[in-house]
């Protein structure tokens, strides 16, 4: 769950879409400037190829970010919250048990 939420935050940040969009428009501008050297079919083909390659590179970058990022601090934080919640639940149950016992003694 920790890795999923982290990767979703990275994806939602838009950095990869910006990377792909920048590469797409840079390729488009390159072919527009050099239009005399390429046929329209070559331009469309290479623009598509460059965009697909950039999408693959961005997916590899996401995988590397997730693989190399250290989740130890977040994991310990989640463990602490989970344990705190369990302890609070157990304490609440103990208080309820004590109250029931006190009510039974007072009768």
N, C-alpha and C. Protein backbone atom coordinates (compact mmCIF):
# COMPACT_ATOMS: atom_id res chain seq x y z
N UNK A 1 0.82 -1.19 0.00
CA UNK A 1 0.00 0.00 0.00
C UNK A 1 0.87 1.25 0.00
N UNK A 2 1.96 1.21 0.72
CA UNK A 2 2.85 2.35 0.80
C UNK A 2 3.45 2.67 -0.56
N UNK A 3 3.91 1.65 -1.27
CA UNK A 3 4.51 1.85 -2.59
C UNK A 3 3.45 2.33 -3.57
N UNK A 4 2.24 1.79 -3.46
CA UNK A 4 1.16 2.19 -4.37
C UNK A 4 0.80 3.66 -4.19
N UNK A 5 0.68 4.09 -2.94
CA UNK A 5 0.33 5.50 -2.70
C UNK A 5 1.46 6.42 -3.15
N UNK A 6 2.72 6.01 -2.91
CA UNK A 6 3.85 6.82 -3.35
C UNK A 6 3.89 6.93 -4.87
N UNK A 7 3.72 5.80 -5.55
CA UNK A 7 3.78 5.82 -7.02
C UNK A 7 2.61 6.62 -7.59
N UNK A 8 1.44 6.54 -6.96
CA UNK A 8 0.30 7.32 -7.43
C UNK A 8 0.55 8.81 -7.26
N UNK A 9 1.20 9.20 -6.16
CA UNK A 9 1.55 10.61 -5.96
C UNK A 9 2.55 11.09 -7.00
N UNK A 10 3.53 10.24 -7.32
CA UNK A 10 4.53 10.62 -8.34
C UNK A 10 3.86 10.77 -9.70
N UNK A 11 2.96 9.84 -10.03
CA UNK A 11 2.27 9.90 -11.32
C UNK A 11 1.37 11.13 -11.39
N UNK A 12 0.66 11.41 -10.30
CA UNK A 12 -0.25 12.55 -10.27
C UNK A 12 0.46 13.89 -10.26
N UNK A 13 1.75 13.90 -9.95
CA UNK A 13 2.49 15.15 -9.95
C UNK A 13 2.60 15.73 -11.36
N UNK A 14 2.51 14.90 -12.38
CA UNK A 14 2.52 15.39 -13.75
C UNK A 14 3.90 15.54 -14.36
N UNK A 15 4.94 15.17 -13.65
CA UNK A 15 6.30 15.34 -14.16
C UNK A 15 6.54 14.47 -15.39
N UNK A 16 5.96 13.28 -15.41
CA UNK A 16 6.17 12.39 -16.56
C UNK A 16 5.39 12.88 -17.78
N UNK A 17 4.17 13.38 -17.55
CA UNK A 17 3.41 13.94 -18.68
C UNK A 17 4.12 15.16 -19.26
N UNK A 18 4.71 15.96 -18.37
CA UNK A 18 5.47 17.12 -18.82
C UNK A 18 6.69 16.69 -19.63
N UNK A 19 7.38 15.64 -19.18
CA UNK A 19 8.54 15.10 -19.88
C UNK A 19 8.16 14.61 -21.28
N UNK A 20 7.07 13.85 -21.36
CA UNK A 20 6.63 13.31 -22.65
C UNK A 20 6.16 14.43 -23.57
N UNK A 21 5.40 15.38 -23.02
CA UNK A 21 4.91 16.50 -23.82
C UNK A 21 6.04 17.37 -24.34
N UNK A 22 7.02 17.62 -23.51
CA UNK A 22 8.18 18.42 -23.94
C UNK A 22 8.93 17.72 -25.06
N UNK A 23 9.14 16.42 -24.92
CA UNK A 23 9.81 15.66 -25.98
C UNK A 23 9.02 15.64 -27.27
N UNK A 24 7.69 15.49 -27.14
CA UNK A 24 6.83 15.48 -28.33
C UNK A 24 6.93 16.81 -29.08
N UNK A 25 6.77 17.92 -28.35
CA UNK A 25 6.81 19.22 -29.01
C UNK A 25 8.20 19.58 -29.50
N UNK A 26 9.24 19.13 -28.82
CA UNK A 26 10.61 19.38 -29.31
C UNK A 26 10.84 18.63 -30.62
N UNK A 27 10.34 17.41 -30.71
CA UNK A 27 10.46 16.64 -31.94
C UNK A 27 9.65 17.28 -33.05
N UNK A 28 8.46 17.73 -32.72
CA UNK A 28 7.60 18.39 -33.69
C UNK A 28 8.26 19.65 -34.23
N UNK A 29 8.83 20.45 -33.35
CA UNK A 29 9.51 21.68 -33.77
C UNK A 29 10.72 21.34 -34.63
N UNK A 30 11.47 20.29 -34.26
CA UNK A 30 12.62 19.88 -35.05
C UNK A 30 12.20 19.55 -36.48
N UNK A 31 11.11 18.78 -36.63
CA UNK A 31 10.69 18.41 -37.97
C UNK A 31 10.08 19.57 -38.74
N UNK A 32 9.46 20.50 -38.06
CA UNK A 32 8.92 21.68 -38.74
C UNK A 32 10.06 22.54 -39.27
N UNK A 33 11.10 22.71 -38.46
CA UNK A 33 12.25 23.50 -38.91
C UNK A 33 12.97 22.83 -40.07
N UNK A 34 13.08 21.51 -40.03
CA UNK A 34 13.79 20.76 -41.07
C UNK A 34 12.81 20.10 -42.04
N UNK A 35 11.72 20.75 -42.35
CA UNK A 35 10.68 20.16 -43.19
C UNK A 35 11.16 19.86 -44.60
N UNK A 36 12.16 20.55 -45.04
CA UNK A 36 12.65 20.31 -46.40
C UNK A 36 13.44 19.01 -46.51
N UNK A 37 13.91 18.49 -45.38
CA UNK A 37 14.72 17.28 -45.41
C UNK A 37 13.92 16.00 -45.27
N UNK A 38 12.67 16.09 -44.78
CA UNK A 38 11.88 14.90 -44.49
C UNK A 38 10.53 14.95 -45.19
N UNK A 39 10.02 13.76 -45.52
CA UNK A 39 8.67 13.69 -46.09
C UNK A 39 7.66 13.72 -44.93
N UNK A 40 6.42 14.08 -45.21
CA UNK A 40 5.41 14.12 -44.14
C UNK A 40 5.23 12.76 -43.44
N UNK A 41 5.31 11.67 -44.22
CA UNK A 41 5.17 10.34 -43.61
C UNK A 41 6.31 10.05 -42.65
N UNK A 42 7.53 10.44 -43.02
CA UNK A 42 8.68 10.25 -42.12
C UNK A 42 8.51 11.07 -40.85
N UNK A 43 8.01 12.29 -40.99
CA UNK A 43 7.81 13.15 -39.83
C UNK A 43 6.83 12.53 -38.85
N UNK A 44 5.68 12.09 -39.37
CA UNK A 44 4.67 11.49 -38.51
C UNK A 44 5.21 10.23 -37.85
N UNK A 45 5.90 9.40 -38.63
CA UNK A 45 6.45 8.16 -38.08
C UNK A 45 7.42 8.44 -36.95
N UNK A 46 8.36 9.35 -37.16
CA UNK A 46 9.37 9.61 -36.14
C UNK A 46 8.80 10.35 -34.93
N UNK A 47 7.81 11.17 -35.13
CA UNK A 47 7.16 11.82 -33.99
C UNK A 47 6.49 10.77 -33.12
N UNK A 48 5.81 9.81 -33.73
CA UNK A 48 5.17 8.73 -32.97
C UNK A 48 6.21 7.87 -32.27
N UNK A 49 7.28 7.52 -32.99
CA UNK A 49 8.33 6.68 -32.39
C UNK A 49 8.98 7.39 -31.20
N UNK A 50 9.29 8.67 -31.35
CA UNK A 50 9.93 9.40 -30.25
C UNK A 50 8.99 9.49 -29.06
N UNK A 51 7.71 9.72 -29.29
CA UNK A 51 6.74 9.81 -28.19
C UNK A 51 6.62 8.47 -27.46
N UNK A 52 6.57 7.37 -28.20
CA UNK A 52 6.49 6.05 -27.57
C UNK A 52 7.77 5.75 -26.78
N UNK A 53 8.91 6.10 -27.32
CA UNK A 53 10.18 5.89 -26.62
C UNK A 53 10.23 6.73 -25.34
N UNK A 54 9.78 7.97 -25.42
CA UNK A 54 9.76 8.81 -24.22
C UNK A 54 8.81 8.27 -23.16
N UNK A 55 7.69 7.70 -23.59
CA UNK A 55 6.75 7.08 -22.64
C UNK A 55 7.43 5.88 -21.97
N UNK A 56 8.16 5.09 -22.73
CA UNK A 56 8.89 3.96 -22.15
C UNK A 56 9.96 4.41 -21.18
N UNK A 57 10.68 5.47 -21.53
CA UNK A 57 11.71 6.00 -20.65
C UNK A 57 11.09 6.53 -19.36
N UNK A 58 9.94 7.20 -19.48
CA UNK A 58 9.30 7.71 -18.26
C UNK A 58 8.82 6.57 -17.37
N UNK A 59 8.35 5.48 -17.96
CA UNK A 59 7.97 4.31 -17.15
C UNK A 59 9.18 3.69 -16.46
N UNK A 60 10.31 3.64 -17.17
CA UNK A 60 11.53 3.12 -16.54
C UNK A 60 12.00 4.05 -15.42
N UNK A 61 11.87 5.36 -15.62
CA UNK A 61 12.25 6.31 -14.57
C UNK A 61 11.37 6.13 -13.35
N UNK A 62 10.07 5.92 -13.55
CA UNK A 62 9.16 5.68 -12.42
C UNK A 62 9.56 4.41 -11.68
N UNK A 63 9.89 3.36 -12.43
CA UNK A 63 10.31 2.11 -11.79
C UNK A 63 11.59 2.30 -10.99
N UNK A 64 12.54 3.05 -11.53
CA UNK A 64 13.79 3.29 -10.81
C UNK A 64 13.57 4.15 -9.58
N UNK A 65 12.70 5.15 -9.69
CA UNK A 65 12.41 5.99 -8.52
C UNK A 65 11.81 5.15 -7.41
N UNK A 66 10.87 4.29 -7.76
CA UNK A 66 10.23 3.44 -6.76
C UNK A 66 11.23 2.44 -6.19
N UNK A 67 12.07 1.88 -7.05
CA UNK A 67 13.02 0.87 -6.60
C UNK A 67 14.10 1.47 -5.69
N UNK A 68 14.57 2.67 -6.01
CA UNK A 68 15.68 3.27 -5.28
C UNK A 68 15.25 4.13 -4.10
N UNK A 69 13.97 4.44 -3.99
CA UNK A 69 13.49 5.28 -2.90
C UNK A 69 13.40 4.46 -1.62
N UNK A 70 13.85 5.02 -0.53
CA UNK A 70 13.84 4.32 0.75
C UNK A 70 12.52 4.59 1.47
N UNK A 71 11.79 3.53 1.77
CA UNK A 71 10.51 3.65 2.43
C UNK A 71 10.60 3.31 3.92
N UNK A 72 11.80 3.23 4.47
CA UNK A 72 11.96 2.83 5.86
C UNK A 72 11.28 3.79 6.83
N UNK A 73 11.45 5.09 6.60
CA UNK A 73 10.82 6.07 7.50
C UNK A 73 9.31 6.00 7.43
N UNK A 74 8.77 5.92 6.22
CA UNK A 74 7.32 5.83 6.07
C UNK A 74 6.79 4.54 6.66
N UNK A 75 7.53 3.45 6.49
CA UNK A 75 7.08 2.17 7.02
C UNK A 75 7.04 2.21 8.54
N UNK A 76 8.06 2.78 9.14
CA UNK A 76 8.07 2.88 10.60
C UNK A 76 6.96 3.80 11.09
N UNK A 77 6.67 4.84 10.33
CA UNK A 77 5.57 5.75 10.69
C UNK A 77 4.23 5.02 10.62
N UNK A 78 4.01 4.24 9.57
CA UNK A 78 2.77 3.47 9.46
C UNK A 78 2.68 2.41 10.55
N UNK A 79 3.80 1.76 10.85
CA UNK A 79 3.80 0.77 11.93
C UNK A 79 3.46 1.42 13.27
N UNK A 80 4.03 2.59 13.51
CA UNK A 80 3.75 3.30 14.75
C UNK A 80 2.27 3.67 14.84
N UNK A 81 1.70 4.18 13.76
CA UNK A 81 0.28 4.54 13.77
C UNK A 81 -0.59 3.30 13.98
N UNK A 82 -0.23 2.20 13.34
CA UNK A 82 -1.00 0.97 13.48
C UNK A 82 -0.94 0.46 14.93
N UNK A 83 0.27 0.46 15.51
CA UNK A 83 0.42 0.01 16.89
C UNK A 83 -0.29 0.93 17.86
N UNK A 84 -0.22 2.23 17.60
CA UNK A 84 -0.92 3.19 18.45
C UNK A 84 -2.43 2.96 18.42
N UNK A 85 -2.94 2.69 17.24
CA UNK A 85 -4.37 2.42 17.08
C UNK A 85 -4.77 1.15 17.83
N UNK A 86 -3.94 0.12 17.71
CA UNK A 86 -4.22 -1.14 18.43
C UNK A 86 -4.21 -0.94 19.94
N UNK A 87 -3.23 -0.19 20.44
CA UNK A 87 -3.12 0.06 21.87
C UNK A 87 -4.33 0.86 22.35
N UNK A 88 -4.72 1.88 21.59
CA UNK A 88 -5.90 2.67 21.98
C UNK A 88 -7.16 1.81 22.00
N UNK A 89 -7.30 0.93 21.05
CA UNK A 89 -8.46 0.03 21.02
C UNK A 89 -8.46 -0.89 22.24
N UNK A 90 -7.31 -1.43 22.56
CA UNK A 90 -7.21 -2.31 23.73
C UNK A 90 -7.50 -1.55 25.03
N UNK A 91 -7.00 -0.31 25.13
CA UNK A 91 -7.26 0.50 26.32
C UNK A 91 -8.75 0.82 26.44
N UNK A 92 -9.38 1.14 25.32
CA UNK A 92 -10.82 1.42 25.34
C UNK A 92 -11.60 0.19 25.79
N UNK A 93 -11.21 -0.97 25.31
CA UNK A 93 -11.88 -2.20 25.73
C UNK A 93 -11.68 -2.44 27.22
N UNK A 94 -10.49 -2.16 27.74
CA UNK A 94 -10.21 -2.32 29.15
C UNK A 94 -11.04 -1.36 30.00
N UNK A 95 -11.17 -0.13 29.56
CA UNK A 95 -11.97 0.86 30.27
C UNK A 95 -13.43 0.42 30.29
N UNK A 96 -13.92 -0.06 29.18
CA UNK A 96 -15.31 -0.53 29.12
C UNK A 96 -15.49 -1.72 30.06
N UNK A 97 -14.54 -2.63 30.07
CA UNK A 97 -14.60 -3.78 30.97
C UNK A 97 -14.61 -3.34 32.43
N UNK A 98 -13.75 -2.38 32.78
CA UNK A 98 -13.72 -1.86 34.15
C UNK A 98 -15.04 -1.20 34.52
N UNK A 99 -15.63 -0.46 33.62
CA UNK A 99 -16.90 0.20 33.87
C UNK A 99 -18.01 -0.82 34.08
N UNK A 100 -17.99 -1.88 33.30
CA UNK A 100 -19.00 -2.93 33.47
C UNK A 100 -18.83 -3.60 34.82
N UNK A 101 -17.58 -3.88 35.19
CA UNK A 101 -17.33 -4.51 36.49
C UNK A 101 -17.73 -3.60 37.65
N UNK A 102 -17.45 -2.32 37.53
CA UNK A 102 -17.85 -1.36 38.56
C UNK A 102 -19.37 -1.28 38.66
N UNK A 103 -20.04 -1.30 37.53
CA UNK A 103 -21.51 -1.25 37.53
C UNK A 103 -22.07 -2.50 38.18
N UNK A 104 -21.46 -3.65 37.93
CA UNK A 104 -21.92 -4.90 38.54
C UNK A 104 -21.68 -4.91 40.04
N UNK A 105 -20.61 -4.31 40.53
CA UNK A 105 -20.30 -4.25 41.96
C UNK A 105 -21.25 -3.32 42.69
N UNK A 106 -21.64 -2.25 42.02
CA UNK A 106 -22.51 -1.26 42.65
C UNK A 106 -23.97 -1.74 42.75
N UNK A 107 -24.34 -2.76 42.09
CA UNK A 107 -25.73 -3.25 42.12
C UNK A 107 -26.00 -4.00 43.33
